[in-house]
Amino acid sequence: MKRLPWFRLLCLGASLICAPAASAQAATPFSVELRYLGKTLNAAQQATVREAAARVSALIASPFVPVTLDLPANSCDSNLPRIREKVQQFFVFVRVSDLGEDKYAEAAPCDLHDGSYLPIYGVVDLNSNGLSDLPRVDLLDTMVHEMLHALGVGTLWEADYRVSLSGKSDDKNLIKKVNGKYYYTAPKALAAYKTLGGTVGAGIPLDADAGHWAGSAVCSEILSGDAGDYTGRVNPVSPLTLGALEDLGYRVNRAAGNRYTLPLKGCPTGSEEDEDAAVSPASNKVYFANCAAARAAGAAPLRRGQPGYRPEMDGDSDGVACE
């Protein structure tokens, strides 16, 4: 199966019914909190979703700034609960829904911070059609892909969608349309594309939905428009997607990304694809002598399973070292 367009309209503009954020509060280390709604995933599926959340959390080095929300039910999408709390971490509602026959999942960010225009929470809908037959590795790949959308990659690239809690917009566009085709133009991902050997004309080619890298340009990258065609693997989080996170305003942990080579001679097929299918997270051979070294490298905090994490650096054994 191939993923189709993921996007749904957010609560925006004149229809915004979001309460203003409380005054700025102390930031906390970034992690993705999971909140399940509706039909329950089985234990194995929930473990896979948690693994995806841990992988995505490890990519973000910037802290989350807590914010107090008082939002009515359905403020971002239908069938969402009221939110009345001090939000301490970015969270994702995970639901199982009938999305038809031709997609694994869809996702969107909800309600953006004032000032940074970064999401406070998001929604991921998994397709009930075929979910029980979806292999673990494909569910993991799908959830990493969709959580990146929930963080704003591909979903907050146009000014129309960049509206904060108080209804303000930064009028920032990270893409443009040239001769009927979309291109990504923000500097961090563009620099990564050049470093990888890409030829930049109008920008990085995008899929027709304007929210994914063009499959013909990046092939099996995690945010490729054709990523759903590369199954049986967790597709790589490349410097392109890390750059896109930076363009949104996140600080990133590059050590948590993946090895990636831009397919300058076209997408691999047959045996070539099989040889490339074993892409895995960055090697855990990354070593920091102490937390000072990890902080100097911009890698702290380090989470269990993330390159460079060692129990000796995790004084309170909570799975997060060098807080």
C-alpha atoms as a PDB file:
ATOM      1  CA  MET A   1       0.000   0.000   0.000  1.00  0.00           C
ATOM      2  CA  LYS A   2       1.055   3.573  -0.636  1.00  0.00           C
ATOM      3  CA  ARG A   3       0.344   6.488   1.657  1.00  0.00           C
ATOM      4  CA  LEU A   4      -2.032   9.040   0.217  1.00  0.00           C
ATOM      5  CA  PRO A   5      -2.269  12.682   1.327  1.00  0.00           C
ATOM      6  CA  TRP A   6      -2.290  12.905   5.112  1.00  0.00           C
ATOM      7  CA  PHE A   7      -3.546  16.398   5.701  1.00  0.00           C
ATOM      8  CA  ARG A   8      -6.672  17.591   7.376  1.00  0.00           C
ATOM      9  CA  LEU A   9      -7.521  21.221   8.026  1.00  0.00           C
ATOM     10  CA  LEU A  10      -6.585  22.514  11.457  1.00  0.00           C
ATOM     11  CA  CYS A  11      -8.565  24.964  13.583  1.00  0.00           C
ATOM     12  CA  LEU A  12      -7.392  28.156  11.960  1.00  0.00           C
ATOM     13  CA  GLY A  13      -8.160  31.761  11.232  1.00  0.00           C
ATOM     14  CA  ALA A  14     -11.626  33.010  12.013  1.00  0.00           C
ATOM     15  CA  SER A  15     -12.727  29.545  13.036  1.00  0.00           C
ATOM     16  CA  LEU A  16     -10.016  29.257  15.678  1.00  0.00           C
ATOM     17  CA  ILE A  17     -11.547  28.310  19.003  1.00  0.00           C
ATOM     18  CA  CYS A  18      -8.342  27.857  20.938  1.00  0.00           C
ATOM     19  CA  ALA A  19      -7.710  29.537  24.257  1.00  0.00           C
ATOM     20  CA  PRO A  20      -4.647  31.789  24.666  1.00  0.00           C
ATOM     21  CA  ALA A  21      -1.631  30.201  26.244  1.00  0.00           C
ATOM     22  CA  ALA A  22      -0.625  30.992  29.770  1.00  0.00           C
ATOM     23  CA  SER A  23       2.510  33.014  30.423  1.00  0.00           C
ATOM     24  CA  ALA A  24       5.827  31.451  29.498  1.00  0.00           C
ATOM     25  CA  GLN A  25       6.926  28.655  31.803  1.00  0.00           C
ATOM     26  CA  ALA A  26      10.114  26.679  32.342  1.00  0.00           C
ATOM     27  CA  ALA A  27      10.999  24.374  29.441  1.00  0.00           C
ATOM     28  CA  THR A  28      11.310  20.602  29.871  1.00  0.00           C
ATOM     29  CA  PRO A  29      13.264  18.003  27.827  1.00  0.00           C
ATOM     30  CA  PHE A  30      11.406  16.931  24.717  1.00  0.00           C
ATOM     31  CA  SER A  31       9.525  13.661  24.495  1.00  0.00           C
ATOM     32  CA  VAL A  32       6.429  12.418  22.683  1.00  0.00           C
ATOM     33  CA  GLU A  33       3.626  11.408  25.049  1.00  0.00           C
ATOM     34  CA  LEU A  34       1.025   8.967  23.707  1.00  0.00           C
ATOM     35  CA  ARG A  35      -2.709   9.197  24.398  1.00  0.00           C
ATOM     36  CA  TYR A  36      -4.853   6.442  22.935  1.00  0.00           C
ATOM     37  CA  LEU A  37      -8.460   7.073  21.960  1.00  0.00           C
ATOM     38  CA  GLY A  38     -11.186   4.684  20.846  1.00  0.00           C
ATOM     39  CA  LYS A  39     -10.321   1.194  19.649  1.00  0.00           C
ATOM     40  CA  THR A  40      -7.421  -0.243  21.619  1.00  0.00           C
ATOM     41  CA  LEU A  41      -4.223  -1.426  19.987  1.00  0.00           C
ATOM     42  CA  ASN A  42      -2.930  -4.768  21.196  1.00  0.00           C
ATOM     43  CA  ALA A  43       0.120  -4.972  23.456  1.00  0.00           C
ATOM     44  CA  ALA A  44       2.562  -5.617  20.620  1.00  0.00           C
ATOM     45  CA  GLN A  45       1.218  -2.735  18.568  1.00  0.00           C
ATOM     46  CA  GLN A  46       1.379  -0.385  21.543  1.00  0.00           C
ATOM     47  CA  ALA A  47       5.012  -1.404  22.130  1.00  0.00           C
ATOM     48  CA  THR A  48       5.790  -0.566  18.503  1.00  0.00           C
ATOM     49  CA  VAL A  49       4.080   2.812  18.783  1.00  0.00           C
ATOM     50  CA  ARG A  50       6.108   3.528  21.943  1.00  0.00           C
ATOM     51  CA  GLU A  51       9.296   2.633  20.072  1.00  0.00           C
ATOM     52  CA  ALA A  52       8.369   5.062  17.297  1.00  0.00           C
ATOM     53  CA  ALA A  53       7.700   7.788  19.853  1.00  0.00           C
ATOM     54  CA  ALA A  54      11.103   7.151  21.460  1.00  0.00           C
ATOM     55  CA  ARG A  55      12.849   7.344  18.092  1.00  0.00           C
ATOM     56  CA  VAL A  56      11.162  10.612  17.181  1.00  0.00           C
ATOM     57  CA  SER A  57      11.769  12.051  20.656  1.00  0.00           C
ATOM     58  CA  ALA A  58      15.475  11.321  20.272  1.00  0.00           C
ATOM     59  CA  LEU A  59      15.615  13.510  17.163  1.00  0.00           C
ATOM     60  CA  ILE A  60      14.609  16.659  19.067  1.00  0.00           C
ATOM     61  CA  ALA A  61      17.218  18.414  21.200  1.00  0.00           C
ATOM     62  CA  SER A  62      15.194  21.532  21.990  1.00  0.00           C
ATOM     63  CA  PRO A  63      13.005  21.516  25.105  1.00  0.00           C
ATOM     64  CA  PHE A  64       9.224  21.694  25.194  1.00  0.00           C
ATOM     65  CA  VAL A  65       7.834  24.833  26.802  1.00  0.00           C
ATOM     66  CA  PRO A  66       4.866  23.918  29.036  1.00  0.00           C
ATOM     67  CA  VAL A  67       1.623  25.683  28.259  1.00  0.00           C
ATOM     68  CA  THR A  68      -1.806  25.749  29.899  1.00  0.00           C
ATOM     69  CA  LEU A  69      -4.689  24.842  27.585  1.00  0.00           C
ATOM     70  CA  ASP A  70      -8.436  25.147  28.036  1.00  0.00           C
ATOM     71  CA  LEU A  71      -9.882  23.814  24.793  1.00  0.00           C
ATOM     72  CA  PRO A  72     -13.350  22.440  24.129  1.00  0.00           C
ATOM     73  CA  ALA A  73     -13.862  18.973  22.723  1.00  0.00           C
ATOM     74  CA  ASN A  74     -13.290  18.645  18.976  1.00  0.00           C
ATOM     75  CA  SER A  75     -11.268  21.865  18.805  1.00  0.00           C
ATOM     76  CA  CYS A  76      -8.742  20.361  16.382  1.00  0.00           C
ATOM     77  CA  ASP A  77     -10.727  17.494  14.920  1.00  0.00           C
ATOM     78  CA  SER A  78     -13.905  15.533  15.547  1.00  0.00           C
ATOM     79  CA  ASN A  79     -14.055  13.028  18.390  1.00  0.00           C
ATOM     80  CA  LEU A  80     -11.267  14.596  20.422  1.00  0.00           C
ATOM     81  CA  PRO A  81     -11.753  15.206  24.148  1.00  0.00           C
ATOM     82  CA  ARG A  82     -11.719  18.506  25.965  1.00  0.00           C
ATOM     83  CA  ILE A  83      -8.214  19.559  26.956  1.00  0.00           C
ATOM     84  CA  ARG A  84      -7.984  21.460  30.214  1.00  0.00           C
ATOM     85  CA  GLU A  85      -4.535  21.089  31.708  1.00  0.00           C
ATOM     86  CA  LYS A  86      -1.004  22.332  31.924  1.00  0.00           C
ATOM     87  CA  VAL A  87       0.667  20.503  29.049  1.00  0.00           C
ATOM     88  CA  GLN A  88       4.174  19.446  30.081  1.00  0.00           C
ATOM     89  CA  GLN A  89       5.154  17.479  26.963  1.00  0.00           C
ATOM     90  CA  PHE A  90       4.221  17.338  23.312  1.00  0.00           C
ATOM     91  CA  PHE A  91       1.576  14.642  22.998  1.00  0.00           C
ATOM     92  CA  VAL A  92      -0.138  12.724  20.231  1.00  0.00           C
ATOM     93  CA  PHE A  93      -3.645  11.318  20.211  1.00  0.00           C
ATOM     94  CA  VAL A  94      -3.452   7.885  18.567  1.00  0.00           C
ATOM     95  CA  ARG A  95      -6.678   6.568  17.071  1.00  0.00           C
ATOM     96  CA  VAL A  96      -7.714   3.630  14.909  1.00  0.00           C
ATOM     97  CA  SER A  97     -10.105   4.726  12.167  1.00  0.00           C
ATOM     98  CA  ASP A  98     -11.465   3.500   8.851  1.00  0.00           C
ATOM     99  CA  LEU A  99      -9.386   5.457   6.323  1.00  0.00           C
ATOM    100  CA  GLY A 100     -10.341   3.448   3.263  1.00  0.00           C
ATOM    101  CA  GLU A 101      -8.149   1.004   1.408  1.00  0.00           C
ATOM    102  CA  ASP A 102      -5.119   2.916   0.174  1.00  0.00           C
ATOM    103  CA  LYS A 103      -3.272   4.393   3.124  1.00  0.00           C
ATOM    104  CA  TYR A 104      -1.659   3.205   6.337  1.00  0.00           C
ATOM    105  CA  ALA A 105      -2.315   6.321   8.403  1.00  0.00           C
ATOM    106  CA  GLU A 106      -2.682  10.083   8.443  1.00  0.00           C
ATOM    107  CA  ALA A 107      -1.591  12.769  10.883  1.00  0.00           C
ATOM    108  CA  ALA A 108      -1.708  16.467  11.633  1.00  0.00           C
ATOM    109  CA  PRO A 109      -0.392  18.909  14.252  1.00  0.00           C
ATOM    110  CA  CYS A 110      -2.873  20.748  16.458  1.00  0.00           C
ATOM    111  CA  ASP A 111      -2.696  24.132  18.199  1.00  0.00           C
ATOM    112  CA  LEU A 112       0.618  25.927  17.897  1.00  0.00           C
ATOM    113  CA  HIS A 113       2.658  27.728  20.534  1.00  0.00           C
ATOM    114  CA  ASP A 114       2.591  31.496  20.415  1.00  0.00           C
ATOM    115  CA  GLY A 115       5.951  32.822  19.266  1.00  0.00           C
ATOM    116  CA  SER A 116       7.583  29.598  18.059  1.00  0.00           C
ATOM    117  CA  TYR A 117       4.622  28.290  16.017  1.00  0.00           C
ATOM    118  CA  LEU A 118       5.582  24.756  17.019  1.00  0.00           C
ATOM    119  CA  PRO A 119       2.815  22.220  17.744  1.00  0.00           C
ATOM    120  CA  ILE A 120       1.611  21.584  21.274  1.00  0.00           C
ATOM    121  CA  TYR A 121      -0.038  18.292  20.368  1.00  0.00           C
ATOM    122  CA  GLY A 122      -1.080  16.294  17.327  1.00  0.00           C
ATOM    123  CA  VAL A 123      -3.284  13.496  16.052  1.00  0.00           C
ATOM    124  CA  VAL A 124      -2.303  10.241  14.328  1.00  0.00           C
ATOM    125  CA  ASP A 125      -5.022   8.053  12.820  1.00  0.00           C
ATOM    126  CA  LEU A 126      -4.069   4.467  11.982  1.00  0.00           C
ATOM    127  CA  ASN A 127      -6.120   2.737   9.320  1.00  0.00           C
ATOM    128  CA  SER A 128      -8.216  -0.074  10.765  1.00  0.00           C
ATOM    129  CA  ASN A 129      -8.199  -1.705   7.325  1.00  0.00           C
ATOM    130  CA  GLY A 130      -5.245  -4.083   7.322  1.00  0.00           C
ATOM    131  CA  LEU A 131      -3.829  -2.938  10.658  1.00  0.00           C
ATOM    132  CA  SER A 132      -3.985  -6.430  12.138  1.00  0.00           C
ATOM    133  CA  ASP A 133      -1.910  -7.735   9.219  1.00  0.00           C
ATOM    134  CA  LEU A 134       0.630  -4.904   9.198  1.00  0.00           C
ATOM    135  CA  PRO A 135       4.102  -6.238  10.125  1.00  0.00           C
ATOM    136  CA  ARG A 136       5.773  -4.688  13.156  1.00  0.00           C
ATOM    137  CA  VAL A 137       8.512  -3.026  11.124  1.00  0.00           C
ATOM    138  CA  ASP A 138       5.990  -1.419   8.754  1.00  0.00           C
ATOM    139  CA  LEU A 139       3.909  -0.137  11.678  1.00  0.00           C
ATOM    140  CA  LEU A 140       7.094   1.291  13.194  1.00  0.00           C
ATOM    141  CA  ASP A 141       8.021   3.001   9.919  1.00  0.00           C
ATOM    142  CA  THR A 142       4.479   4.357   9.524  1.00  0.00           C
ATOM    143  CA  MET A 143       4.375   5.762  13.050  1.00  0.00           C
ATOM    144  CA  VAL A 144       7.759   7.498  12.731  1.00  0.00           C
ATOM    145  CA  HIS A 145       6.550   9.006   9.439  1.00  0.00           C
ATOM    146  CA  GLU A 146       3.252  10.192  10.897  1.00  0.00           C
ATOM    147  CA  MET A 147       4.721  11.520  14.145  1.00  0.00           C
ATOM    148  CA  LEU A 148       7.046  13.693  12.069  1.00  0.00           C
ATOM    149  CA  HIS A 149       3.956  15.069  10.345  1.00  0.00           C
ATOM    150  CA  ALA A 150       2.416  15.708  13.767  1.00  0.00           C
ATOM    151  CA  LEU A 151       5.540  17.713  14.654  1.00  0.00           C
ATOM    152  CA  GLY A 152       4.961  19.883  11.599  1.00  0.00           C
ATOM    153  CA  VAL A 153       7.207  18.349   8.935  1.00  0.00           C
ATOM    154  CA  GLY A 154       5.205  18.615   5.741  1.00  0.00           C
ATOM    155  CA  THR A 155       2.172  19.973   7.589  1.00  0.00           C
ATOM    156  CA  LEU A 156       3.393  23.421   8.685  1.00  0.00           C
ATOM    157  CA  TRP A 157       5.242  24.422   5.541  1.00  0.00           C
ATOM    158  CA  GLU A 158       2.661  26.980   4.400  1.00  0.00           C
ATOM    159  CA  ALA A 159       1.691  30.235   6.097  1.00  0.00           C
ATOM    160  CA  ASP A 160      -2.031  29.436   5.987  1.00  0.00           C
ATOM    161  CA  TYR A 161      -1.497  26.656   8.531  1.00  0.00           C
ATOM    162  CA  ARG A 162       0.939  28.519  10.769  1.00  0.00           C
ATOM    163  CA  VAL A 163      -1.568  30.077  13.184  1.00  0.00           C
ATOM    164  CA  SER A 164      -0.829  30.101  16.924  1.00  0.00           C
ATOM    165  CA  LEU A 165      -3.102  29.768  19.945  1.00  0.00           C
ATOM    166  CA  SER A 166      -3.791  33.498  20.012  1.00  0.00           C
ATOM    167  CA  GLY A 167      -4.664  33.539  16.303  1.00  0.00           C
ATOM    168  CA  LYS A 168      -1.427  35.117  15.108  1.00  0.00           C
ATOM    169  CA  SER A 169       0.541  33.974  12.067  1.00  0.00           C
ATOM    170  CA  ASP A 170       4.184  34.464  11.145  1.00  0.00           C
ATOM    171  CA  ASP A 171       3.278  34.459   7.410  1.00  0.00           C
ATOM    172  CA  LYS A 172       6.143  32.050   6.821  1.00  0.00           C
ATOM    173  CA  ASN A 173       6.220  29.850   3.715  1.00  0.00           C
ATOM    174  CA  LEU A 174       8.830  27.112   3.447  1.00  0.00           C
ATOM    175  CA  ILE A 175       7.727  26.004  -0.005  1.00  0.00           C
ATOM    176  CA  LYS A 176       6.815  27.568  -3.326  1.00  0.00           C
ATOM    177  CA  LYS A 177       5.022  26.513  -6.490  1.00  0.00           C
ATOM    178  CA  VAL A 178       6.789  26.886  -9.818  1.00  0.00           C
ATOM    179  CA  ASN A 179       5.180  25.883 -13.091  1.00  0.00           C
ATOM    180  CA  GLY A 180       2.644  23.718 -11.301  1.00  0.00           C
ATOM    181  CA  LYS A 181       5.195  21.874  -9.139  1.00  0.00           C
ATOM    182  CA  TYR A 182       6.051  22.361  -5.468  1.00  0.00           C
ATOM    183  CA  TYR A 183       9.566  22.937  -4.127  1.00  0.00           C
ATOM    184  CA  TYR A 184      10.958  23.228  -0.595  1.00  0.00           C
ATOM    185  CA  THR A 185      12.992  26.420  -0.153  1.00  0.00           C
ATOM    186  CA  ALA A 186      13.861  26.826   3.562  1.00  0.00           C
ATOM    187  CA  PRO A 187      17.607  27.039   4.246  1.00  0.00           C
ATOM    188  CA  LYS A 188      18.531  24.137   6.553  1.00  0.00           C
ATOM    189  CA  ALA A 189      17.022  21.328   4.484  1.00  0.00           C
ATOM    190  CA  LEU A 190      18.154  23.060   1.293  1.00  0.00           C
ATOM    191  CA  ALA A 191      21.757  23.102   2.577  1.00  0.00           C
ATOM    192  CA  ALA A 192      21.493  19.406   3.468  1.00  0.00           C
ATOM    193  CA  TYR A 193      20.213  18.615  -0.025  1.00  0.00           C
ATOM    194  CA  LYS A 194      23.180  20.421  -1.567  1.00  0.00           C
ATOM    195  CA  THR A 195      25.618  18.629   0.757  1.00  0.00           C
ATOM    196  CA  LEU A 196      24.140  15.285  -0.293  1.00  0.00           C
ATOM    197  CA  GLY A 197      24.829  16.171  -3.922  1.00  0.00           C
ATOM    198  CA  GLY A 198      21.400  17.379  -4.973  1.00  0.00           C
ATOM    199  CA  THR A 199      21.117  19.983  -7.683  1.00  0.00           C
ATOM    200  CA  VAL A 200      19.104  22.925  -6.446  1.00  0.00           C
ATOM    201  CA  GLY A 201      17.148  24.862  -9.002  1.00  0.00           C
ATOM    202  CA  ALA A 202      13.838  26.100  -7.669  1.00  0.00           C
ATOM    203  CA  GLY A 203      14.380  24.076  -4.464  1.00  0.00           C
ATOM    204  CA  ILE A 204      14.012  20.492  -3.228  1.00  0.00           C
ATOM    205  CA  PRO A 205      11.356  18.751  -5.357  1.00  0.00           C
ATOM    206  CA  LEU A 206       8.202  17.878  -3.429  1.00  0.00           C
ATOM    207  CA  ASP A 207       5.422  15.393  -3.976  1.00  0.00           C
ATOM    208  CA  ALA A 208       2.194  16.648  -5.547  1.00  0.00           C
ATOM    209  CA  ASP A 209       0.626  17.010  -2.060  1.00  0.00           C
ATOM    210  CA  ALA A 210       3.362  19.525  -1.103  1.00  0.00           C
ATOM    211  CA  GLY A 211       3.964  17.720   2.191  1.00  0.00           C
ATOM    212  CA  HIS A 212       6.522  15.039   1.248  1.00  0.00           C
ATOM    213  CA  TRP A 213       9.848  14.953  -0.538  1.00  0.00           C
ATOM    214  CA  ALA A 214       9.326  13.882  -4.154  1.00  0.00           C
ATOM    215  CA  GLY A 215       9.685  10.102  -4.323  1.00  0.00           C
ATOM    216  CA  SER A 216      11.649  10.345  -7.540  1.00  0.00           C
ATOM    217  CA  ALA A 217      14.223  12.577  -5.815  1.00  0.00           C
ATOM    218  CA  VAL A 218      14.721  10.792  -2.472  1.00  0.00           C
ATOM    219  CA  CYS A 219      13.266   7.291  -3.011  1.00  0.00           C
ATOM    220  CA  SER A 220      12.954   5.593   0.389  1.00  0.00           C
ATOM    221  CA  GLU A 221      13.623   8.489   2.805  1.00  0.00           C
ATOM    222  CA  ILE A 222      11.214   8.523   5.760  1.00  0.00           C
ATOM    223  CA  LEU A 223       9.238  11.538   4.445  1.00  0.00           C
ATOM    224  CA  SER A 224       9.330  10.508   0.800  1.00  0.00           C
ATOM    225  CA  GLY A 225       6.062  10.635  -1.072  1.00  0.00           C
ATOM    226  CA  ASP A 226       6.882   7.053  -2.081  1.00  0.00           C
ATOM    227  CA  ALA A 227       7.982   5.879   1.382  1.00  0.00           C
ATOM    228  CA  GLY A 228       4.989   3.570   1.610  1.00  0.00           C
ATOM    229  CA  ASP A 229       6.315   1.656  -1.402  1.00  0.00           C
ATOM    230  CA  TYR A 230       9.448   0.662   0.542  1.00  0.00           C
ATOM    231  CA  THR A 231       8.167  -1.881   3.061  1.00  0.00           C
ATOM    232  CA  GLY A 232       9.839  -4.365   5.373  1.00  0.00           C
ATOM    233  CA  ARG A 233      12.142  -1.669   6.730  1.00  0.00           C
ATOM    234  CA  VAL A 234      12.234   1.519   8.743  1.00  0.00           C
ATOM    235  CA  ASN A 235      13.117   4.119   6.154  1.00  0.00           C
ATOM    236  CA  PRO A 236      15.950   6.506   7.069  1.00  0.00           C
ATOM    237  CA  VAL A 237      15.539   9.867   8.737  1.00  0.00           C
ATOM    238  CA  SER A 238      17.972  11.759   6.550  1.00  0.00           C
ATOM    239  CA  PRO A 239      19.686  15.141   6.933  1.00  0.00           C
ATOM    240  CA  LEU A 240      16.876  16.514   4.734  1.00  0.00           C
ATOM    241  CA  THR A 241      14.210  15.779   7.327  1.00  0.00           C
ATOM    242  CA  LEU A 242      16.480  16.872  10.186  1.00  0.00           C
ATOM    243  CA  GLY A 243      17.004  20.123   8.285  1.00  0.00           C
ATOM    244  CA  ALA A 244      13.254  20.507   7.847  1.00  0.00           C
ATOM    245  CA  LEU A 245      12.819  20.141  11.620  1.00  0.00           C
ATOM    246  CA  GLU A 246      15.426  22.865  12.114  1.00  0.00           C
ATOM    247  CA  ASP A 247      13.668  25.099   9.606  1.00  0.00           C
ATOM    248  CA  LEU A 248      10.517  24.782  11.719  1.00  0.00           C
ATOM    249  CA  GLY A 249      12.457  25.953  14.777  1.00  0.00           C
ATOM    250  CA  TYR A 250      13.503  22.738  16.520  1.00  0.00           C
ATOM    251  CA  ARG A 251      17.056  21.999  17.592  1.00  0.00           C
ATOM    252  CA  VAL A 252      17.930  18.480  16.482  1.00  0.00           C
ATOM    253  CA  ASN A 253      20.177  15.665  17.602  1.00  0.00           C
ATOM    254  CA  ARG A 254      21.948  14.636  14.417  1.00  0.00           C
ATOM    255  CA  ALA A 255      23.413  11.548  16.061  1.00  0.00           C
ATOM    256  CA  ALA A 256      19.889  10.098  16.186  1.00  0.00           C
ATOM    257  CA  GLY A 257      19.454  10.389  12.408  1.00  0.00           C
ATOM    258  CA  ASN A 258      20.368   7.758   9.843  1.00  0.00           C
ATOM    259  CA  ARG A 259      22.916   7.015   7.191  1.00  0.00           C
ATOM    260  CA  TYR A 260      21.504   8.237   3.904  1.00  0.00           C
ATOM    261  CA  THR A 261      22.751   8.618   0.339  1.00  0.00           C
ATOM    262  CA  LEU A 262      20.797  10.709  -2.127  1.00  0.00           C
ATOM    263  CA  PRO A 263      19.952   8.458  -5.117  1.00  0.00           C
ATOM    264  CA  LEU A 264      21.532  10.647  -7.789  1.00  0.00           C
ATOM    265  CA  LYS A 265      21.234   7.900 -10.414  1.00  0.00           C
ATOM    266  CA  GLY A 266      17.614   7.047  -9.718  1.00  0.00           C
ATOM    267  CA  CYS A 267      15.843   4.837  -7.201  1.00  0.00           C
ATOM    268  CA  PRO A 268      17.295   1.348  -6.635  1.00  0.00           C
ATOM    269  CA  THR A 269      15.325  -1.636  -7.852  1.00  0.00           C
ATOM    270  CA  GLY A 270      15.416  -5.392  -7.328  1.00  0.00           C
ATOM    271  CA  SER A 271      18.612  -6.617  -5.680  1.00  0.00           C
ATOM    272  CA  GLU A 272      19.879  -3.062  -5.165  1.00  0.00           C
ATOM    273  CA  GLU A 273      16.818  -2.283  -3.077  1.00  0.00           C
ATOM    274  CA  ASP A 274      17.265  -5.474  -1.069  1.00  0.00           C
ATOM    275  CA  GLU A 275      20.861  -4.503  -0.288  1.00  0.00           C
ATOM    276  CA  ASP A 276      19.719  -1.101   0.973  1.00  0.00           C
ATOM    277  CA  ALA A 277      16.777  -2.413   2.959  1.00  0.00           C
ATOM    278  CA  ALA A 278      18.728  -2.972   6.159  1.00  0.00           C
ATOM    279  CA  VAL A 279      18.905   0.729   7.018  1.00  0.00           C
ATOM    280  CA  SER A 280      18.934   1.040  10.801  1.00  0.00           C
ATOM    281  CA  PRO A 281      19.244   3.843  13.354  1.00  0.00           C
ATOM    282  CA  ALA A 282      22.606   5.479  13.730  1.00  0.00           C
ATOM    283  CA  SER A 283      25.138   3.169  15.315  1.00  0.00           C
ATOM    284  CA  ASN A 284      25.262   3.084  19.089  1.00  0.00           C
ATOM    285  CA  LYS A 285      29.064   3.326  18.835  1.00  0.00           C
ATOM    286  CA  VAL A 286      28.670   7.045  19.537  1.00  0.00           C
ATOM    287  CA  TYR A 287      30.501   7.601  22.810  1.00  0.00           C
ATOM    288  CA  PHE A 288      30.499  10.520  25.230  1.00  0.00           C
ATOM    289  CA  ALA A 289      32.948  10.445  28.125  1.00  0.00           C
ATOM    290  CA  ASN A 290      30.494  12.326  30.341  1.00  0.00           C
ATOM    291  CA  CYS A 291      27.439  14.546  30.269  1.00  0.00           C
ATOM    292  CA  ALA A 292      29.539  17.641  29.687  1.00  0.00           C
ATOM    293  CA  ALA A 293      30.784  16.095  26.456  1.00  0.00           C
ATOM    294  CA  ALA A 294      27.251  15.146  25.423  1.00  0.00           C
ATOM    295  CA  ARG A 295      26.027  18.689  26.086  1.00  0.00           C
ATOM    296  CA  ALA A 296      28.949  20.202  24.201  1.00  0.00           C
ATOM    297  CA  ALA A 297      28.009  18.060  21.197  1.00  0.00           C
ATOM    298  CA  GLY A 298      24.397  19.209  21.418  1.00  0.00           C
ATOM    299  CA  ALA A 299      23.243  15.628  22.082  1.00  0.00           C
ATOM    300  CA  ALA A 300      21.881  15.971  25.621  1.00  0.00           C
ATOM    301  CA  PRO A 301      19.555  14.791  27.003  1.00  0.00           C
ATOM    302  CA  LEU A 302      20.248  11.189  25.950  1.00  0.00           C
ATOM    303  CA  ARG A 303      17.435   8.651  26.097  1.00  0.00           C
ATOM    304  CA  ARG A 304      17.746   4.900  26.566  1.00  0.00           C
ATOM    305  CA  GLY A 305      18.320   3.324  23.137  1.00  0.00           C
ATOM    306  CA  GLN A 306      19.654   6.552  21.659  1.00  0.00           C
ATOM    307  CA  PRO A 307      23.249   6.615  20.325  1.00  0.00           C
ATOM    308  CA  GLY A 308      25.614   7.624  23.131  1.00  0.00           C
ATOM    309  CA  TYR A 309      23.333   6.689  26.046  1.00  0.00           C
ATOM    310  CA  ARG A 310      25.021   4.746  28.850  1.00  0.00           C
ATOM    311  CA  PRO A 311      23.452   3.695  32.177  1.00  0.00           C
ATOM    312  CA  GLU A 312      26.457   5.197  33.971  1.00  0.00           C
ATOM    313  CA  MET A 313      25.306   8.654  32.799  1.00  0.00           C
ATOM    314  CA  ASP A 314      21.721   8.112  33.944  1.00  0.00           C
ATOM    315  CA  GLY A 315      22.015   8.829  37.667  1.00  0.00           C
ATOM    316  CA  ASP A 316      18.362   8.319  38.552  1.00  0.00           C
ATOM    317  CA  SER A 317      17.862   5.368  36.134  1.00  0.00           C
ATOM    318  CA  ASP A 318      14.784   6.985  34.568  1.00  0.00           C
ATOM    319  CA  GLY A 319      15.914   6.275  31.016  1.00  0.00           C
ATOM    320  CA  VAL A 320      17.074   9.837  30.370  1.00  0.00           C
ATOM    321  CA  ALA A 321      20.742  10.737  30.917  1.00  0.00           C
ATOM    322  CA  CYS A 322      22.236  14.206  31.179  1.00  0.00           C
ATOM    323  CA  GLU A 323      18.966  16.067  31.787  1.00  0.00           C
END
